[in-house]
Amino acid sequence: MKHKKQHYLLTEQAEQDITDIEAYIAEHNQAAAERLVDRIFKAFELLVEHPDSGHTRTDLTDRDVLFWPVKPRFLVIYTRQDTSVLIIRVLPSDRDIANILLSKV
């Protein structure tokens, strides 16, 4: 039996989140911005390998999504799909995540 190769997909909003995070941090430290973006993409790869690693946050949303922390202070919000992990958002943990997730993604 062949196994389907797992991969990740990003919503347009998740792509924009990463662009915004990188730009903001790069204003102060380009090398730190690059390291953080690398850490974020490594988290995506980890989630592909272990899609159940995340945790639910019923205090933030009743949507069928999981959360995975990326240090120092970011959350990857994703959902599992048949052969992929869909990255919905990548947000600073101090944002109003509950309200952000209420809006369309």
N, C-alpha and C. Protein backbone atom coordinates (compact mmCIF):
# COMPACT_ATOMS: atom_id res chain seq x y z
N MET A 1 0.84 -1.19 0.00
CA MET A 1 0.00 0.00 0.00
C MET A 1 0.89 1.25 0.00
N LYS A 2 0.64 2.15 -0.93
CA LYS A 2 1.40 3.38 -1.00
C LYS A 2 0.82 4.40 -0.03
N HIS A 3 1.71 5.15 0.60
CA HIS A 3 1.28 6.24 1.47
C HIS A 3 1.29 7.53 0.67
N LYS A 4 0.27 8.33 0.88
CA LYS A 4 0.23 9.63 0.23
C LYS A 4 1.20 10.56 0.94
N LYS A 5 1.95 11.31 0.17
CA LYS A 5 2.89 12.26 0.75
C LYS A 5 2.12 13.43 1.36
N GLN A 6 2.44 13.72 2.58
CA GLN A 6 1.82 14.84 3.28
C GLN A 6 2.54 16.13 2.88
N HIS A 7 1.84 17.24 2.92
CA HIS A 7 2.42 18.54 2.66
C HIS A 7 1.59 19.61 3.37
N TYR A 8 2.06 20.85 3.31
CA TYR A 8 1.28 21.93 3.90
C TYR A 8 0.89 22.94 2.83
N LEU A 9 -0.22 23.59 3.10
CA LEU A 9 -0.73 24.66 2.25
C LEU A 9 -0.96 25.88 3.13
N LEU A 10 -0.79 27.04 2.58
CA LEU A 10 -1.02 28.28 3.32
C LEU A 10 -2.18 29.05 2.70
N THR A 11 -3.04 29.58 3.54
CA THR A 11 -4.06 30.49 3.03
C THR A 11 -3.36 31.80 2.63
N GLU A 12 -4.03 32.59 1.83
CA GLU A 12 -3.47 33.89 1.47
C GLU A 12 -3.22 34.72 2.72
N GLN A 13 -4.11 34.60 3.69
CA GLN A 13 -3.96 35.39 4.91
C GLN A 13 -2.73 34.94 5.69
N ALA A 14 -2.47 33.63 5.74
CA ALA A 14 -1.27 33.13 6.43
C ALA A 14 -0.02 33.64 5.73
N GLU A 15 -0.02 33.63 4.40
CA GLU A 15 1.13 34.17 3.67
C GLU A 15 1.34 35.64 4.02
N GLN A 16 0.24 36.40 4.08
CA GLN A 16 0.35 37.81 4.43
C GLN A 16 0.84 37.99 5.86
N ASP A 17 0.36 37.12 6.78
CA ASP A 17 0.82 37.19 8.17
C ASP A 17 2.34 37.06 8.23
N ILE A 18 2.89 36.09 7.51
CA ILE A 18 4.33 35.86 7.53
C ILE A 18 5.08 37.05 6.95
N THR A 19 4.56 37.58 5.85
CA THR A 19 5.17 38.77 5.23
C THR A 19 5.18 39.94 6.22
N ASP A 20 4.06 40.15 6.90
CA ASP A 20 3.94 41.24 7.86
C ASP A 20 4.89 41.05 9.05
N ILE A 21 4.95 39.83 9.57
CA ILE A 21 5.83 39.53 10.70
C ILE A 21 7.28 39.79 10.31
N GLU A 22 7.66 39.29 9.14
CA GLU A 22 9.05 39.45 8.70
C GLU A 22 9.38 40.94 8.52
N ALA A 23 8.49 41.68 7.89
CA ALA A 23 8.74 43.11 7.65
C ALA A 23 8.88 43.88 8.96
N TYR A 24 8.01 43.58 9.91
CA TYR A 24 8.04 44.29 11.18
C TYR A 24 9.35 44.03 11.93
N ILE A 25 9.75 42.78 12.01
CA ILE A 25 10.97 42.44 12.74
C ILE A 25 12.20 42.92 11.98
N ALA A 26 12.16 42.87 10.65
CA ALA A 26 13.30 43.30 9.85
C ALA A 26 13.60 44.78 10.01
N GLU A 27 12.59 45.57 10.39
CA GLU A 27 12.83 47.00 10.64
C GLU A 27 13.89 47.18 11.73
N HIS A 28 13.94 46.24 12.65
CA HIS A 28 14.87 46.33 13.78
C HIS A 28 16.06 45.40 13.62
N ASN A 29 15.84 44.23 12.96
CA ASN A 29 16.91 43.25 12.89
C ASN A 29 16.61 42.25 11.76
N GLN A 30 17.24 42.45 10.62
CA GLN A 30 16.98 41.60 9.45
C GLN A 30 17.33 40.14 9.73
N ALA A 31 18.45 39.89 10.39
CA ALA A 31 18.87 38.51 10.67
C ALA A 31 17.85 37.81 11.58
N ALA A 32 17.35 38.52 12.56
CA ALA A 32 16.34 37.94 13.46
C ALA A 32 15.06 37.62 12.70
N ALA A 33 14.69 38.49 11.77
CA ALA A 33 13.49 38.26 10.96
C ALA A 33 13.65 36.99 10.14
N GLU A 34 14.81 36.83 9.52
CA GLU A 34 15.06 35.63 8.71
C GLU A 34 15.05 34.37 9.57
N ARG A 35 15.63 34.44 10.76
CA ARG A 35 15.63 33.27 11.66
C ARG A 35 14.22 32.90 12.08
N LEU A 36 13.41 33.91 12.37
CA LEU A 36 12.03 33.64 12.78
C LEU A 36 11.22 33.01 11.65
N VAL A 37 11.34 33.55 10.45
CA VAL A 37 10.60 32.99 9.32
C VAL A 37 11.05 31.54 9.08
N ASP A 38 12.34 31.28 9.20
CA ASP A 38 12.84 29.92 9.07
C ASP A 38 12.23 29.01 10.14
N ARG A 39 12.13 29.51 11.36
CA ARG A 39 11.53 28.75 12.46
C ARG A 39 10.06 28.47 12.19
N ILE A 40 9.36 29.43 11.62
CA ILE A 40 7.95 29.25 11.29
C ILE A 40 7.79 28.14 10.24
N PHE A 41 8.60 28.18 9.19
CA PHE A 41 8.48 27.16 8.14
C PHE A 41 8.91 25.77 8.65
N LYS A 42 9.85 25.73 9.57
CA LYS A 42 10.21 24.45 10.19
C LYS A 42 9.05 23.91 11.01
N ALA A 43 8.30 24.80 11.63
CA ALA A 43 7.10 24.38 12.38
C ALA A 43 6.08 23.77 11.42
N PHE A 44 5.92 24.36 10.24
CA PHE A 44 5.00 23.78 9.25
C PHE A 44 5.42 22.37 8.89
N GLU A 45 6.71 22.17 8.68
CA GLU A 45 7.21 20.84 8.33
C GLU A 45 6.98 19.84 9.46
N LEU A 46 7.17 20.29 10.69
CA LEU A 46 6.90 19.43 11.85
C LEU A 46 5.42 19.05 11.90
N LEU A 47 4.56 19.99 11.62
CA LEU A 47 3.12 19.72 11.65
C LEU A 47 2.70 18.76 10.55
N VAL A 48 3.39 18.79 9.43
CA VAL A 48 3.11 17.82 8.37
C VAL A 48 3.47 16.42 8.87
N GLU A 49 4.61 16.31 9.53
CA GLU A 49 5.06 15.01 10.06
C GLU A 49 4.17 14.53 11.21
N HIS A 50 3.69 15.47 12.01
CA HIS A 50 2.90 15.15 13.21
C HIS A 50 1.69 16.08 13.29
N PRO A 51 0.70 15.88 12.43
CA PRO A 51 -0.41 16.84 12.34
C PRO A 51 -1.28 16.92 13.59
N ASP A 52 -1.19 15.94 14.47
CA ASP A 52 -1.98 15.98 15.70
C ASP A 52 -1.23 16.62 16.86
N SER A 53 -0.09 17.22 16.59
CA SER A 53 0.74 17.80 17.65
C SER A 53 0.12 19.04 18.28
N GLY A 54 -0.67 19.75 17.53
CA GLY A 54 -1.25 20.98 18.04
C GLY A 54 -2.31 20.72 19.09
N HIS A 55 -2.81 21.78 19.64
CA HIS A 55 -3.84 21.68 20.67
C HIS A 55 -5.01 22.60 20.32
N THR A 56 -6.17 22.26 20.84
CA THR A 56 -7.34 23.11 20.63
C THR A 56 -7.29 24.26 21.64
N ARG A 57 -8.01 25.31 21.34
CA ARG A 57 -8.14 26.45 22.25
C ARG A 57 -9.61 26.86 22.27
N THR A 58 -10.41 26.11 23.03
CA THR A 58 -11.84 26.41 23.10
C THR A 58 -12.10 27.78 23.73
N ASP A 59 -11.11 28.32 24.42
CA ASP A 59 -11.26 29.67 24.96
C ASP A 59 -11.17 30.73 23.87
N LEU A 60 -10.63 30.35 22.70
CA LEU A 60 -10.47 31.31 21.60
C LEU A 60 -11.41 31.08 20.44
N THR A 61 -11.77 29.81 20.19
CA THR A 61 -12.62 29.52 19.02
C THR A 61 -13.26 28.15 19.15
N ASP A 62 -14.42 28.00 18.52
CA ASP A 62 -15.04 26.68 18.44
C ASP A 62 -14.82 26.08 17.05
N ARG A 63 -14.02 26.76 16.24
CA ARG A 63 -13.68 26.24 14.91
C ARG A 63 -12.81 25.00 15.06
N ASP A 64 -12.82 24.17 14.05
CA ASP A 64 -12.04 22.94 14.05
C ASP A 64 -10.60 23.24 13.61
N VAL A 65 -9.88 23.91 14.49
CA VAL A 65 -8.49 24.28 14.21
C VAL A 65 -7.62 23.87 15.40
N LEU A 66 -6.33 23.77 15.12
CA LEU A 66 -5.35 23.47 16.15
C LEU A 66 -4.35 24.62 16.21
N PHE A 67 -3.68 24.73 17.34
CA PHE A 67 -2.72 25.80 17.58
C PHE A 67 -1.36 25.17 17.88
N TRP A 68 -0.31 25.79 17.33
CA TRP A 68 1.05 25.34 17.58
C TRP A 68 1.91 26.57 17.85
N PRO A 69 2.60 26.61 18.99
CA PRO A 69 3.42 27.78 19.31
C PRO A 69 4.75 27.77 18.56
N VAL A 70 5.15 28.95 18.14
CA VAL A 70 6.48 29.16 17.57
C VAL A 70 7.12 30.26 18.41
N LYS A 71 8.21 29.93 19.04
CA LYS A 71 8.85 30.91 19.92
C LYS A 71 9.47 32.01 19.09
N PRO A 72 9.48 33.22 19.56
CA PRO A 72 9.24 33.58 20.94
C PRO A 72 7.78 33.82 21.30
N ARG A 73 6.92 34.24 20.32
CA ARG A 73 5.55 34.60 20.73
C ARG A 73 4.54 34.54 19.59
N PHE A 74 4.59 33.50 18.82
CA PHE A 74 3.68 33.38 17.69
C PHE A 74 2.91 32.07 17.74
N LEU A 75 1.73 32.07 17.14
CA LEU A 75 0.90 30.87 17.07
C LEU A 75 0.59 30.55 15.62
N VAL A 76 0.82 29.30 15.27
CA VAL A 76 0.39 28.79 13.97
C VAL A 76 -0.99 28.20 14.20
N ILE A 77 -1.95 28.63 13.42
CA ILE A 77 -3.32 28.13 13.52
C ILE A 77 -3.58 27.34 12.25
N TYR A 78 -3.91 26.07 12.43
CA TYR A 78 -3.99 25.18 11.26
C TYR A 78 -5.09 24.14 11.44
N THR A 79 -5.36 23.45 10.36
CA THR A 79 -6.31 22.34 10.39
C THR A 79 -5.73 21.20 9.56
N ARG A 80 -6.10 20.01 9.92
CA ARG A 80 -5.67 18.83 9.17
C ARG A 80 -6.63 18.59 8.03
N GLN A 81 -6.07 18.20 6.89
CA GLN A 81 -6.88 17.80 5.75
C GLN A 81 -6.42 16.41 5.34
N ASP A 82 -7.04 15.86 4.34
CA ASP A 82 -6.76 14.48 3.94
C ASP A 82 -5.26 14.20 3.82
N THR A 83 -4.59 14.89 2.94
CA THR A 83 -3.16 14.65 2.74
C THR A 83 -2.35 15.91 2.97
N SER A 84 -2.89 16.83 3.71
CA SER A 84 -2.15 18.07 3.94
C SER A 84 -2.53 18.70 5.27
N VAL A 85 -1.75 19.69 5.60
CA VAL A 85 -2.03 20.55 6.74
C VAL A 85 -2.27 21.93 6.14
N LEU A 86 -3.41 22.52 6.47
CA LEU A 86 -3.73 23.85 5.98
C LEU A 86 -3.39 24.87 7.06
N ILE A 87 -2.43 25.73 6.77
CA ILE A 87 -2.04 26.79 7.69
C ILE A 87 -3.01 27.94 7.46
N ILE A 88 -3.81 28.22 8.47
CA ILE A 88 -4.86 29.24 8.35
C ILE A 88 -4.33 30.63 8.66
N ARG A 89 -3.60 30.75 9.78
CA ARG A 89 -3.03 32.03 10.19
C ARG A 89 -1.73 31.78 10.93
N VAL A 90 -0.89 32.80 10.99
CA VAL A 90 0.31 32.83 11.84
C VAL A 90 0.26 34.18 12.52
N LEU A 91 -0.02 34.16 13.84
CA LEU A 91 -0.31 35.40 14.54
C LEU A 91 0.53 35.56 15.80
N PRO A 92 0.84 36.80 16.15
CA PRO A 92 1.46 37.05 17.44
C PRO A 92 0.48 36.64 18.54
N SER A 93 0.97 36.00 19.56
CA SER A 93 0.09 35.47 20.61
C SER A 93 -0.60 36.57 21.42
N ASP A 94 -0.10 37.81 21.32
CA ASP A 94 -0.73 38.89 22.08
C ASP A 94 -1.84 39.61 21.30
N ARG A 95 -2.14 39.15 20.10
CA ARG A 95 -3.24 39.72 19.32
C ARG A 95 -4.57 39.19 19.85
N ASP A 96 -5.67 39.81 19.46
CA ASP A 96 -7.00 39.36 19.85
C ASP A 96 -7.43 38.22 18.91
N ILE A 97 -6.87 37.06 19.16
CA ILE A 97 -7.03 35.92 18.26
C ILE A 97 -8.50 35.49 18.15
N ALA A 98 -9.23 35.53 19.23
CA ALA A 98 -10.64 35.15 19.19
C ALA A 98 -11.40 35.99 18.16
N ASN A 99 -11.21 37.30 18.19
CA ASN A 99 -11.90 38.17 17.23
C ASN A 99 -11.38 37.98 15.81
N ILE A 100 -10.09 37.78 15.67
CA ILE A 100 -9.52 37.57 14.34
C ILE A 100 -10.12 36.32 13.73
N LEU A 101 -10.27 35.25 14.50
CA LEU A 101 -10.81 34.00 13.96
C LEU A 101 -12.31 34.06 13.70
N LEU A 102 -12.98 35.04 14.26
CA LEU A 102 -14.41 35.23 13.96
C LEU A 102 -14.61 35.73 12.54
N SER A 103 -13.62 36.47 12.05
CA SER A 103 -13.74 37.00 10.69
C SER A 103 -13.39 35.92 9.68
N LYS A 104 -13.72 36.18 8.44
CA LYS A 104 -13.41 35.21 7.38
C LYS A 104 -11.91 35.05 7.25
N VAL A 105 -11.49 33.83 6.92
CA VAL A 105 -10.07 33.57 6.70
C VAL A 105 -9.86 33.21 5.27
